[in-house]
Amino acid sequence: MAQEHTPVLIVGAGGAGLSLSLLLSQQGI
């Protein structure tokens, strides 16, 4: 279970981080 869902969690976390950084950069923070 962990080995199958770990890549998904990593990709999800990476996507969330990128989206947050983009939003912050657009707001000028």
Foldseek 3Di string as FASTA:
>chain_A
DCVVCVVVVVVVVVVVVVVVVVVCVVVVD
